[in-house]
Amino acid sequence: MSNPTIVIRTATLQDAPAMYDLMFELAVYEKSPELVATSVAEYQTDFENGLFEGFVAEADGKIVGMTLFYTAYSSWKGKILYLDDFVVTEAYRRFGIGQMLYDTFIVEAQNRGCRMAKWQVLDWNEPAIQFYQKNEADIESGWYNVRKFFKP
C-alpha cells in the first residue's frame, strides 16, 4: 500500500458507526471484546447528546483512526480533556496517523484551556507506552483503576 492521503477532521454523528467499529477493534486488541456493552445506536445517541466528541482520520475515503474524548474535571488541576479511545486500524499504523490524531487531540485540549489531558494505557501495551514516552507524556505509577459497574 502506498502512502495514502490522510485527512484529520472533527467527528460527526454520521461517523459514530465507524468510531464504534474502531473501538471494537481496540477491544479485541486489548483482549476484552466481551466487555463491550455499548451499541452503535447508543454511540449515536450519546454523540448527539454531547457526551463525547472525537476526531477521525480518513484515508482512501474511509475512516481508519479516531480519538474519542470528553471534558472532565480534576479537583486538583481543573478542566481536563479525557481521551477514552485512541486507535488506528492495523493496516494503517505505519503512516503517522496516530501521531497526527494525537497532536490534534493535544492541541484541542490546549485550545480549550485545559490544564491537563489524561488517558490510560495497559501495562503490557509496549508500542503505546513507547509512543507516549516519545511524546513526553507522564505515565503514572502507584495508582489503581477503580470502577463499579451498573446494570442498564
Protein backbone atom coordinates (compact mmCIF):
# COMPACT_ATOMS: atom_id res chain seq x y z
CA MET A 1 0.00 0.00 0.00
CA SER A 2 1.44 3.39 -0.96
CA ASN A 3 1.25 6.38 1.35
CA PRO A 4 -2.42 7.34 1.49
CA THR A 5 -3.68 10.91 1.70
CA ILE A 6 -4.71 11.43 5.32
CA VAL A 7 -7.35 13.90 6.48
CA ILE A 8 -7.91 14.53 10.20
CA ARG A 9 -11.26 16.13 10.95
CA THR A 10 -13.79 16.62 13.71
CA ALA A 11 -16.08 13.62 14.06
CA THR A 12 -19.74 13.98 13.11
CA LEU A 13 -22.82 11.97 14.04
CA GLN A 14 -22.50 10.09 10.76
CA ASP A 15 -19.06 8.84 11.91
CA ALA A 16 -20.44 7.12 15.02
CA PRO A 17 -20.75 3.66 13.40
CA ALA A 18 -17.16 3.76 12.13
CA MET A 19 -15.97 5.01 15.52
CA TYR A 20 -17.82 2.14 17.17
CA ASP A 21 -16.12 -0.35 14.83
CA LEU A 22 -12.70 1.11 15.65
CA MET A 23 -13.47 0.95 19.38
CA PHE A 24 -14.40 -2.72 19.00
CA GLU A 25 -11.16 -3.36 17.11
CA LEU A 26 -9.34 -1.80 20.06
CA ALA A 27 -11.29 -4.00 22.50
CA VAL A 28 -10.18 -7.09 20.54
CA TYR A 29 -6.57 -5.86 20.58
CA GLU A 30 -6.86 -5.32 24.34
CA LYS A 31 -8.17 -8.90 24.68
CA SER A 32 -11.55 -7.93 26.10
CA PRO A 33 -14.23 -7.64 23.40
CA GLU A 34 -16.69 -9.40 25.69
CA LEU A 35 -16.63 -6.34 27.97
CA VAL A 36 -18.11 -4.04 25.31
CA ALA A 37 -21.66 -3.24 26.45
CA THR A 38 -22.46 -0.32 24.12
CA SER A 39 -24.08 -0.43 20.69
CA VAL A 40 -23.87 1.66 17.56
CA ALA A 41 -27.28 3.13 18.40
CA GLU A 42 -26.04 4.12 21.86
CA TYR A 43 -22.95 5.71 20.32
CA GLN A 44 -25.14 7.75 18.01
CA THR A 45 -27.47 8.87 20.81
CA ASP A 46 -24.62 9.71 23.18
CA PHE A 47 -22.71 11.58 20.46
CA GLU A 48 -25.85 13.53 19.58
CA ASN A 49 -26.32 14.38 23.29
CA GLY A 50 -22.77 15.69 23.57
CA LEU A 51 -21.48 13.01 25.93
CA PHE A 52 -18.35 12.59 23.82
CA GLU A 53 -16.56 14.11 20.88
CA GLY A 54 -13.80 12.96 18.64
CA PHE A 55 -11.52 13.35 15.68
CA VAL A 56 -11.37 10.88 12.83
CA ALA A 57 -8.64 10.09 10.34
CA GLU A 58 -9.72 9.40 6.79
CA ALA A 59 -7.56 7.58 4.25
CA ASP A 60 -8.59 6.26 0.89
CA GLY A 61 -12.13 7.52 1.51
CA LYS A 62 -12.69 5.60 4.74
CA ILE A 63 -12.25 6.22 8.45
CA VAL A 64 -9.12 4.43 9.64
CA GLY A 65 -8.46 6.03 13.01
CA MET A 66 -10.06 8.08 15.75
CA THR A 67 -9.86 9.70 19.12
CA LEU A 68 -12.89 9.72 21.40
CA PHE A 69 -12.80 12.20 24.28
CA TYR A 70 -14.84 14.26 26.71
CA THR A 71 -14.35 17.16 29.08
CA ALA A 72 -13.78 16.21 32.70
CA TYR A 73 -12.69 17.99 35.84
CA SER A 74 -9.87 17.38 38.29
CA SER A 75 -10.32 18.92 41.71
CA TRP A 76 -6.53 19.37 41.86
CA LYS A 77 -5.86 20.52 38.29
CA GLY A 78 -9.11 21.94 36.93
CA LYS A 79 -10.51 21.31 33.46
CA ILE A 80 -9.10 18.29 31.64
CA LEU A 81 -9.76 16.58 28.34
CA TYR A 82 -10.08 12.84 28.88
CA LEU A 83 -9.05 10.63 25.97
CA ASP A 84 -11.14 7.48 26.27
CA ASP A 85 -10.22 5.80 22.98
CA PHE A 86 -7.36 6.31 20.56
CA VAL A 87 -6.97 3.79 17.75
CA VAL A 88 -5.73 3.44 14.21
CA THR A 89 -6.79 0.33 12.32
CA GLU A 90 -3.89 -2.09 11.99
CA ALA A 91 -3.37 -1.82 8.22
CA TYR A 92 -2.80 1.95 8.53
CA ARG A 93 -0.50 2.07 11.57
CA ARG A 94 2.69 2.84 9.68
CA PHE A 95 1.71 6.13 8.06
CA GLY A 96 1.96 8.53 11.02
CA ILE A 97 -1.81 8.68 11.51
CA GLY A 98 -1.54 8.03 15.24
CA GLN A 99 0.82 10.96 15.65
CA MET A 100 -1.50 13.20 13.64
CA LEU A 101 -4.52 12.22 15.75
CA TYR A 102 -2.55 12.58 19.00
CA ASP A 103 -1.24 16.02 18.03
CA THR A 104 -4.74 17.16 17.06
CA PHE A 105 -6.13 15.97 20.40
CA ILE A 106 -3.35 17.71 22.39
CA VAL A 107 -3.84 20.99 20.51
CA GLU A 108 -7.59 20.74 21.14
CA ALA A 109 -7.00 20.33 24.89
CA GLN A 110 -4.71 23.37 24.90
CA ASN A 111 -7.15 25.43 22.81
CA ARG A 112 -9.91 24.66 25.31
CA GLY A 113 -7.81 25.97 28.17
CA CYS A 114 -7.40 22.56 29.79
CA ARG A 115 -4.66 22.18 32.35
CA MET A 116 -4.20 18.52 31.53
CA ALA A 117 -5.07 15.77 29.10
CA LYS A 118 -5.46 12.34 30.60
CA TRP A 119 -5.88 8.75 29.42
CA GLN A 120 -4.96 5.19 30.28
CA VAL A 121 -2.62 2.65 28.71
CA LEU A 122 -2.40 -1.04 29.51
CA ASP A 123 0.87 -2.03 31.20
CA TRP A 124 1.60 -4.66 28.51
CA ASN A 125 0.98 -2.36 25.52
CA GLU A 126 4.64 -1.58 24.80
CA PRO A 127 4.06 0.12 21.42
CA ALA A 128 1.60 2.58 23.03
CA ILE A 129 3.85 3.14 26.06
CA GLN A 130 6.80 3.90 23.79
CA PHE A 131 4.64 6.26 21.71
CA TYR A 132 3.57 8.20 24.83
CA GLN A 133 7.11 8.31 26.18
CA LYS A 134 8.34 9.62 22.81
CA ASN A 135 5.71 12.35 23.13
CA GLU A 136 6.89 13.20 26.68
CA ALA A 137 3.67 12.11 28.39
CA ASP A 138 3.85 11.34 32.10
CA ILE A 139 2.99 7.69 32.74
CA GLU A 140 1.87 7.45 36.35
CA SER A 141 2.62 4.59 38.68
CA GLY A 142 1.23 3.87 42.10
CA TRP A 143 -2.43 4.35 41.16
CA TYR A 144 -5.01 1.63 40.67
CA ASN A 145 -8.04 1.88 38.44
CA VAL A 146 -11.22 1.58 40.49
CA ARG A 147 -14.62 1.06 38.96
CA LYS A 148 -18.15 -0.02 39.76
CA PHE A 149 -20.46 -1.37 37.06
CA PHE A 150 -24.23 -0.91 36.98
CA LYS A 151 -26.82 -2.94 35.13
CA PRO A 152 -28.72 -0.95 32.48
